[in-house]
Amino acid sequence: MVTLEELAQAVIVLIRLGCIFRFIYCMVRLSGADEEATKYKKRARNVVLFYILAESIWQVKDIIQYYYQ
């Protein structure tokens, strides 16, 4: 039986891997396309912001759970 905590850990792993691969993809495309450089810089920046936000949400969730338990 899969618990809610195992599902949460799986989602965290998927978010981390997705952000890493998206960032690498943006950097590879950035190195090859001069005319689209601003677009891929913005996308890479958005990936980093999303990752920071996603990690922050999980940390806040853990703090709230710790506080009320």
N, C-alpha and C. Protein backbone atom coordinates (compact mmCIF):
# COMPACT_ATOMS: atom_id res chain seq x y z
N MET A 1 0.84 -1.18 0.00
CA MET A 1 0.00 0.00 0.00
C MET A 1 0.89 1.24 0.00
N VAL A 2 0.62 2.14 -0.89
CA VAL A 2 1.39 3.36 -1.01
C VAL A 2 0.79 4.41 -0.08
N THR A 3 1.64 4.96 0.75
CA THR A 3 1.15 5.96 1.69
C THR A 3 1.26 7.35 1.08
N LEU A 4 0.65 8.29 1.74
CA LEU A 4 0.67 9.67 1.27
C LEU A 4 2.08 10.25 1.32
N GLU A 5 2.86 9.85 2.30
CA GLU A 5 4.23 10.33 2.42
C GLU A 5 5.10 9.81 1.26
N GLU A 6 4.89 8.56 0.86
CA GLU A 6 5.63 8.02 -0.28
C GLU A 6 5.26 8.74 -1.57
N LEU A 7 3.99 9.08 -1.74
CA LEU A 7 3.57 9.83 -2.91
C LEU A 7 4.18 11.23 -2.92
N ALA A 8 4.24 11.85 -1.76
CA ALA A 8 4.84 13.19 -1.66
C ALA A 8 6.32 13.13 -2.01
N GLN A 9 7.02 12.11 -1.55
CA GLN A 9 8.44 11.96 -1.88
C GLN A 9 8.63 11.73 -3.37
N ALA A 10 7.74 10.97 -3.99
CA ALA A 10 7.82 10.73 -5.42
C ALA A 10 7.61 12.02 -6.19
N VAL A 11 6.67 12.84 -5.77
CA VAL A 11 6.43 14.12 -6.44
C VAL A 11 7.63 15.03 -6.30
N ILE A 12 8.24 15.05 -5.13
CA ILE A 12 9.43 15.89 -4.91
C ILE A 12 10.55 15.44 -5.85
N VAL A 13 10.76 14.16 -5.98
CA VAL A 13 11.81 13.65 -6.87
C VAL A 13 11.51 14.02 -8.32
N LEU A 14 10.25 13.89 -8.73
CA LEU A 14 9.87 14.24 -10.10
C LEU A 14 10.07 15.73 -10.37
N ILE A 15 9.73 16.57 -9.41
CA ILE A 15 9.93 18.02 -9.57
C ILE A 15 11.41 18.34 -9.70
N ARG A 16 12.23 17.75 -8.85
CA ARG A 16 13.67 18.01 -8.91
C ARG A 16 14.27 17.56 -10.23
N LEU A 17 13.94 16.34 -10.65
CA LEU A 17 14.47 15.84 -11.92
C LEU A 17 13.98 16.65 -13.11
N GLY A 18 12.70 17.01 -13.08
CA GLY A 18 12.15 17.81 -14.16
C GLY A 18 12.82 19.17 -14.27
N CYS A 19 13.08 19.80 -13.13
CA CYS A 19 13.75 21.10 -13.14
C CYS A 19 15.19 20.98 -13.63
N ILE A 20 15.86 19.95 -13.21
CA ILE A 20 17.25 19.76 -13.65
C ILE A 20 17.31 19.55 -15.16
N PHE A 21 16.45 18.67 -15.69
CA PHE A 21 16.47 18.40 -17.12
C PHE A 21 16.02 19.61 -17.93
N ARG A 22 15.04 20.34 -17.44
CA ARG A 22 14.58 21.54 -18.15
C ARG A 22 15.67 22.61 -18.17
N PHE A 23 16.38 22.77 -17.05
CA PHE A 23 17.46 23.75 -16.99
C PHE A 23 18.59 23.37 -17.95
N ILE A 24 18.95 22.09 -17.98
CA ILE A 24 20.00 21.63 -18.90
C ILE A 24 19.55 21.84 -20.34
N TYR A 25 18.30 21.54 -20.65
CA TYR A 25 17.78 21.74 -22.00
C TYR A 25 17.86 23.22 -22.40
N CYS A 26 17.46 24.11 -21.49
CA CYS A 26 17.53 25.55 -21.79
C CYS A 26 18.97 26.01 -22.00
N MET A 27 19.90 25.49 -21.22
CA MET A 27 21.29 25.89 -21.38
C MET A 27 21.88 25.38 -22.70
N VAL A 28 21.50 24.17 -23.09
CA VAL A 28 21.97 23.63 -24.37
C VAL A 28 21.41 24.44 -25.52
N ARG A 29 20.12 24.75 -25.47
CA ARG A 29 19.51 25.55 -26.52
C ARG A 29 20.07 26.97 -26.53
N LEU A 30 20.40 27.49 -25.36
CA LEU A 30 20.97 28.84 -25.25
C LEU A 30 22.34 28.90 -25.93
N SER A 31 23.11 27.85 -25.80
CA SER A 31 24.44 27.85 -26.40
C SER A 31 24.38 27.74 -27.93
N GLY A 32 23.27 27.23 -28.46
CA GLY A 32 23.19 27.03 -29.89
C GLY A 32 22.42 28.08 -30.65
N ALA A 33 21.61 28.86 -29.99
CA ALA A 33 20.74 29.80 -30.69
C ALA A 33 20.99 31.23 -30.20
N ASP A 34 21.66 32.02 -31.02
CA ASP A 34 21.95 33.40 -30.62
C ASP A 34 20.72 34.29 -30.71
N GLU A 35 19.89 34.08 -31.72
CA GLU A 35 18.73 34.96 -31.89
C GLU A 35 17.62 34.67 -30.87
N GLU A 36 17.64 33.50 -30.27
CA GLU A 36 16.63 33.15 -29.27
C GLU A 36 17.22 33.13 -27.86
N ALA A 37 18.32 33.79 -27.66
CA ALA A 37 19.02 33.75 -26.38
C ALA A 37 18.17 34.32 -25.25
N THR A 38 17.50 35.42 -25.48
CA THR A 38 16.71 36.03 -24.40
C THR A 38 15.56 35.12 -23.98
N LYS A 39 14.97 34.42 -24.96
CA LYS A 39 13.86 33.52 -24.64
C LYS A 39 14.32 32.39 -23.73
N TYR A 40 15.47 31.79 -24.04
CA TYR A 40 15.95 30.66 -23.23
C TYR A 40 16.53 31.11 -21.90
N LYS A 41 17.08 32.32 -21.84
CA LYS A 41 17.51 32.86 -20.54
C LYS A 41 16.32 33.04 -19.62
N LYS A 42 15.23 33.56 -20.16
CA LYS A 42 14.03 33.77 -19.36
C LYS A 42 13.45 32.43 -18.92
N ARG A 43 13.44 31.46 -19.81
CA ARG A 43 12.93 30.14 -19.43
C ARG A 43 13.79 29.49 -18.36
N ALA A 44 15.09 29.62 -18.46
CA ALA A 44 15.98 29.05 -17.45
C ALA A 44 15.77 29.75 -16.10
N ARG A 45 15.59 31.07 -16.14
CA ARG A 45 15.33 31.81 -14.90
C ARG A 45 14.01 31.37 -14.28
N ASN A 46 13.00 31.15 -15.12
CA ASN A 46 11.70 30.69 -14.62
C ASN A 46 11.78 29.29 -14.01
N VAL A 47 12.62 28.44 -14.56
CA VAL A 47 12.81 27.10 -14.00
C VAL A 47 13.41 27.20 -12.60
N VAL A 48 14.40 28.07 -12.45
CA VAL A 48 15.04 28.24 -11.14
C VAL A 48 14.05 28.82 -10.14
N LEU A 49 13.26 29.79 -10.56
CA LEU A 49 12.25 30.36 -9.66
C LEU A 49 11.20 29.32 -9.26
N PHE A 50 10.77 28.50 -10.23
CA PHE A 50 9.81 27.44 -9.92
C PHE A 50 10.39 26.45 -8.92
N TYR A 51 11.65 26.08 -9.11
CA TYR A 51 12.28 25.13 -8.21
C TYR A 51 12.36 25.69 -6.79
N ILE A 52 12.75 26.95 -6.67
CA ILE A 52 12.82 27.58 -5.35
C ILE A 52 11.44 27.62 -4.71
N LEU A 53 10.43 27.98 -5.46
CA LEU A 53 9.07 28.04 -4.94
C LEU A 53 8.57 26.66 -4.53
N ALA A 54 8.83 25.65 -5.35
CA ALA A 54 8.38 24.29 -5.05
C ALA A 54 9.05 23.76 -3.78
N GLU A 55 10.35 23.98 -3.65
CA GLU A 55 11.05 23.53 -2.44
C GLU A 55 10.55 24.29 -1.21
N SER A 56 10.26 25.56 -1.37
CA SER A 56 9.77 26.35 -0.24
C SER A 56 8.41 25.85 0.23
N ILE A 57 7.57 25.47 -0.71
CA ILE A 57 6.25 24.96 -0.34
C ILE A 57 6.38 23.68 0.47
N TRP A 58 7.29 22.78 0.08
CA TRP A 58 7.45 21.54 0.83
C TRP A 58 8.01 21.82 2.22
N GLN A 59 8.90 22.79 2.33
CA GLN A 59 9.47 23.13 3.64
C GLN A 59 8.41 23.74 4.56
N VAL A 60 7.57 24.59 4.02
CA VAL A 60 6.49 25.19 4.81
C VAL A 60 5.52 24.11 5.26
N LYS A 61 5.22 23.16 4.37
CA LYS A 61 4.34 22.05 4.73
C LYS A 61 4.93 21.25 5.89
N ASP A 62 6.23 20.97 5.83
CA ASP A 62 6.88 20.21 6.90
C ASP A 62 6.88 20.99 8.21
N ILE A 63 7.11 22.28 8.15
CA ILE A 63 7.09 23.10 9.37
C ILE A 63 5.70 23.11 9.99
N ILE A 64 4.67 23.25 9.17
CA ILE A 64 3.29 23.25 9.69
C ILE A 64 2.95 21.91 10.29
N GLN A 65 3.32 20.83 9.63
CA GLN A 65 3.05 19.50 10.19
C GLN A 65 3.78 19.29 11.50
N TYR A 66 5.02 19.73 11.59
CA TYR A 66 5.78 19.58 12.82
C TYR A 66 5.15 20.40 13.95
N TYR A 67 4.69 21.59 13.62
CA TYR A 67 4.10 22.47 14.63
C TYR A 67 2.82 21.90 15.22
N TYR A 68 1.98 21.29 14.40
CA TYR A 68 0.69 20.81 14.87
C TYR A 68 0.71 19.36 15.33
N GLN A 69 1.87 18.70 15.30
CA GLN A 69 1.91 17.32 15.79
C GLN A 69 2.48 17.24 17.16
